[in-house]
Amino acid sequence: MRLDKYLKVSRLIKRRTVANEACDAGRVTLNGKVARASAEVKPGDVIGISFGDRETRAEVLLVQDNVRKEAAGEMFRYL
């Protein structure tokens, strides 16, 4: 699954366009490297997101195309 879509489906970022813009600006890392929106995400990957002075890191646990809002938290684990 594409990184920007995963960020939206897992609700780490609310909208896909915002996720895409964050990737283009270099604010999103995948396994320690700056990632493009088209990068493939798989279980075990570590995603880092920086907005302003806030840094968020999460490990990918599950990759699914459609997830209910209540189950979205099970797709990743904060580090």
N, C-alpha and C. Protein backbone atom coordinates (compact mmCIF):
# COMPACT_ATOMS: atom_id res chain seq x y z
N MET A 1 0.85 -1.18 0.00
CA MET A 1 0.00 0.00 0.00
C MET A 1 0.90 1.23 0.00
N ARG A 2 0.47 2.26 -0.69
CA ARG A 2 1.20 3.53 -0.73
C ARG A 2 1.24 4.17 0.65
N LEU A 3 2.32 4.88 0.93
CA LEU A 3 2.50 5.53 2.22
C LEU A 3 1.41 6.56 2.51
N ASP A 4 1.08 7.40 1.54
CA ASP A 4 0.07 8.43 1.79
C ASP A 4 -1.30 7.80 2.08
N LYS A 5 -1.63 6.73 1.39
CA LYS A 5 -2.91 6.06 1.64
C LYS A 5 -2.91 5.40 3.01
N TYR A 6 -1.79 4.79 3.41
CA TYR A 6 -1.70 4.15 4.72
C TYR A 6 -1.88 5.19 5.84
N LEU A 7 -1.26 6.34 5.70
CA LEU A 7 -1.38 7.38 6.71
C LEU A 7 -2.83 7.81 6.88
N LYS A 8 -3.58 7.86 5.78
CA LYS A 8 -4.98 8.24 5.84
C LYS A 8 -5.85 7.12 6.42
N VAL A 9 -5.66 5.90 5.94
CA VAL A 9 -6.48 4.77 6.40
C VAL A 9 -6.25 4.50 7.89
N SER A 10 -5.00 4.60 8.34
CA SER A 10 -4.69 4.35 9.74
C SER A 10 -5.03 5.54 10.63
N ARG A 11 -5.38 6.65 10.01
CA ARG A 11 -5.74 7.89 10.70
C ARG A 11 -4.58 8.51 11.49
N LEU A 12 -3.36 8.24 11.05
CA LEU A 12 -2.21 8.97 11.58
C LEU A 12 -2.26 10.41 11.08
N ILE A 13 -2.72 10.59 9.82
CA ILE A 13 -3.01 11.90 9.24
C ILE A 13 -4.42 11.83 8.68
N LYS A 14 -5.21 12.86 8.92
CA LYS A 14 -6.64 12.79 8.63
C LYS A 14 -7.00 12.71 7.15
N ARG A 15 -6.26 13.43 6.29
CA ARG A 15 -6.62 13.45 4.87
C ARG A 15 -5.43 13.03 4.02
N ARG A 16 -5.73 12.38 2.91
CA ARG A 16 -4.68 11.88 2.03
C ARG A 16 -3.90 13.02 1.38
N THR A 17 -4.58 14.12 1.06
CA THR A 17 -3.87 15.24 0.45
C THR A 17 -2.86 15.85 1.44
N VAL A 18 -3.22 15.90 2.70
CA VAL A 18 -2.30 16.42 3.72
C VAL A 18 -1.12 15.46 3.88
N ALA A 19 -1.39 14.16 3.84
CA ALA A 19 -0.32 13.16 3.91
C ALA A 19 0.62 13.28 2.71
N ASN A 20 0.05 13.50 1.54
CA ASN A 20 0.85 13.65 0.33
C ASN A 20 1.73 14.89 0.41
N GLU A 21 1.18 16.00 0.89
CA GLU A 21 1.94 17.24 1.03
C GLU A 21 3.05 17.09 2.07
N ALA A 22 2.77 16.37 3.16
CA ALA A 22 3.79 16.15 4.20
C ALA A 22 4.95 15.33 3.64
N CYS A 23 4.64 14.34 2.82
CA CYS A 23 5.69 13.53 2.18
C CYS A 23 6.51 14.38 1.22
N ASP A 24 5.86 15.21 0.43
CA ASP A 24 6.56 16.07 -0.52
C ASP A 24 7.47 17.08 0.18
N ALA A 25 7.08 17.51 1.39
CA ALA A 25 7.86 18.48 2.13
C ALA A 25 9.00 17.83 2.92
N GLY A 26 9.09 16.50 2.90
CA GLY A 26 10.15 15.80 3.61
C GLY A 26 9.91 15.63 5.09
N ARG A 27 8.66 15.71 5.51
CA ARG A 27 8.32 15.59 6.93
C ARG A 27 8.03 14.16 7.36
N VAL A 28 7.99 13.23 6.40
CA VAL A 28 7.66 11.84 6.71
C VAL A 28 8.86 10.96 6.38
N THR A 29 9.23 10.10 7.34
CA THR A 29 10.32 9.16 7.11
C THR A 29 9.78 7.74 7.19
N LEU A 30 10.42 6.86 6.44
CA LEU A 30 10.07 5.44 6.46
C LEU A 30 11.37 4.69 6.72
N ASN A 31 11.44 4.03 7.88
CA ASN A 31 12.64 3.31 8.31
C ASN A 31 13.87 4.22 8.34
N GLY A 32 13.68 5.45 8.82
CA GLY A 32 14.78 6.38 9.00
C GLY A 32 15.19 7.18 7.78
N LYS A 33 14.54 6.97 6.63
CA LYS A 33 14.87 7.70 5.42
C LYS A 33 13.66 8.51 4.97
N VAL A 34 13.90 9.71 4.44
CA VAL A 34 12.82 10.54 3.93
C VAL A 34 12.10 9.76 2.83
N ALA A 35 10.78 9.69 2.93
CA ALA A 35 10.00 8.85 2.01
C ALA A 35 9.10 9.67 1.12
N ARG A 36 8.89 9.17 -0.08
CA ARG A 36 7.93 9.77 -0.99
C ARG A 36 6.56 9.18 -0.70
N ALA A 37 5.52 9.84 -1.18
CA ALA A 37 4.14 9.38 -0.95
C ALA A 37 3.88 8.04 -1.61
N SER A 38 4.63 7.71 -2.64
CA SER A 38 4.41 6.46 -3.37
C SER A 38 5.18 5.28 -2.79
N ALA A 39 5.92 5.48 -1.70
CA ALA A 39 6.69 4.39 -1.09
C ALA A 39 5.75 3.30 -0.58
N GLU A 40 6.17 2.04 -0.73
CA GLU A 40 5.36 0.91 -0.29
C GLU A 40 5.55 0.68 1.21
N VAL A 41 4.44 0.49 1.92
CA VAL A 41 4.45 0.23 3.36
C VAL A 41 4.13 -1.23 3.59
N LYS A 42 4.89 -1.87 4.50
CA LYS A 42 4.62 -3.26 4.85
C LYS A 42 4.76 -3.41 6.36
N PRO A 43 4.18 -4.46 6.93
CA PRO A 43 4.29 -4.66 8.39
C PRO A 43 5.75 -4.70 8.84
N GLY A 44 6.01 -4.05 9.97
CA GLY A 44 7.37 -3.98 10.51
C GLY A 44 8.07 -2.68 10.20
N ASP A 45 7.58 -1.91 9.24
CA ASP A 45 8.18 -0.62 8.91
C ASP A 45 7.94 0.38 10.04
N VAL A 46 8.84 1.35 10.17
CA VAL A 46 8.70 2.41 11.17
C VAL A 46 8.50 3.73 10.42
N ILE A 47 7.39 4.40 10.73
CA ILE A 47 7.06 5.68 10.09
C ILE A 47 7.30 6.80 11.10
N GLY A 48 7.99 7.84 10.66
CA GLY A 48 8.19 9.03 11.48
C GLY A 48 7.53 10.22 10.82
N ILE A 49 6.78 10.99 11.62
CA ILE A 49 6.08 12.17 11.10
C ILE A 49 6.47 13.36 11.98
N SER A 50 6.91 14.46 11.36
CA SER A 50 7.23 15.65 12.14
C SER A 50 6.41 16.82 11.64
N PHE A 51 5.65 17.39 12.55
CA PHE A 51 4.87 18.60 12.29
C PHE A 51 5.28 19.62 13.33
N GLY A 52 5.91 20.68 12.88
CA GLY A 52 6.37 21.71 13.81
C GLY A 52 7.43 21.13 14.74
N ASP A 53 7.22 21.28 16.04
CA ASP A 53 8.19 20.76 17.01
C ASP A 53 7.80 19.37 17.52
N ARG A 54 6.77 18.79 16.94
CA ARG A 54 6.27 17.49 17.40
C ARG A 54 6.72 16.37 16.46
N GLU A 55 7.28 15.32 17.04
CA GLU A 55 7.74 14.16 16.27
C GLU A 55 6.94 12.94 16.73
N THR A 56 6.37 12.22 15.77
CA THR A 56 5.61 11.01 16.06
C THR A 56 6.24 9.84 15.31
N ARG A 57 6.45 8.74 16.02
CA ARG A 57 6.96 7.53 15.39
C ARG A 57 6.00 6.39 15.66
N ALA A 58 5.75 5.59 14.63
CA ALA A 58 4.82 4.47 14.75
C ALA A 58 5.34 3.28 13.95
N GLU A 59 5.11 2.09 14.49
CA GLU A 59 5.47 0.86 13.79
C GLU A 59 4.23 0.30 13.11
N VAL A 60 4.36 -0.07 11.86
CA VAL A 60 3.25 -0.63 11.09
C VAL A 60 3.02 -2.07 11.54
N LEU A 61 1.80 -2.37 11.99
CA LEU A 61 1.45 -3.73 12.41
C LEU A 61 0.59 -4.45 11.39
N LEU A 62 -0.26 -3.69 10.69
CA LEU A 62 -1.24 -4.28 9.80
C LEU A 62 -1.45 -3.36 8.60
N VAL A 63 -1.60 -3.95 7.42
CA VAL A 63 -1.87 -3.16 6.22
C VAL A 63 -3.17 -3.67 5.61
N GLN A 64 -4.20 -2.82 5.61
CA GLN A 64 -5.50 -3.14 5.03
C GLN A 64 -6.02 -1.93 4.28
N ASP A 65 -6.80 -2.18 3.21
CA ASP A 65 -7.33 -1.06 2.42
C ASP A 65 -8.47 -0.33 3.11
N ASN A 66 -9.37 -1.07 3.73
CA ASN A 66 -10.53 -0.47 4.40
C ASN A 66 -10.58 -0.92 5.85
N VAL A 67 -10.66 0.05 6.75
CA VAL A 67 -10.70 -0.24 8.18
C VAL A 67 -11.71 0.69 8.82
N ARG A 68 -12.51 0.14 9.74
CA ARG A 68 -13.45 0.99 10.48
C ARG A 68 -12.68 1.91 11.42
N LYS A 69 -13.29 3.01 11.78
CA LYS A 69 -12.65 4.00 12.63
C LYS A 69 -12.18 3.40 13.95
N GLU A 70 -12.97 2.53 14.53
CA GLU A 70 -12.65 1.92 15.82
C GLU A 70 -11.43 1.00 15.72
N ALA A 71 -11.23 0.38 14.56
CA ALA A 71 -10.14 -0.59 14.40
C ALA A 71 -8.87 0.05 13.83
N ALA A 72 -8.90 1.32 13.50
CA ALA A 72 -7.74 1.96 12.88
C ALA A 72 -6.54 1.98 13.83
N GLY A 73 -6.76 2.07 15.11
CA GLY A 73 -5.67 2.09 16.08
C GLY A 73 -4.90 0.79 16.16
N GLU A 74 -5.46 -0.29 15.65
CA GLU A 74 -4.79 -1.58 15.67
C GLU A 74 -3.83 -1.76 14.49
N MET A 75 -3.80 -0.80 13.57
CA MET A 75 -2.94 -0.90 12.40
C MET A 75 -1.49 -0.49 12.71
N PHE A 76 -1.28 0.21 13.83
CA PHE A 76 0.07 0.68 14.16
C PHE A 76 0.24 0.72 15.68
N ARG A 77 1.50 0.91 16.09
CA ARG A 77 1.81 1.03 17.51
C ARG A 77 2.79 2.18 17.65
N TYR A 78 2.49 3.11 18.57
CA TYR A 78 3.38 4.26 18.79
C TYR A 78 4.67 3.79 19.44
N LEU A 79 5.78 4.42 19.04
CA LEU A 79 7.09 4.11 19.62
C LEU A 79 7.57 5.26 20.47
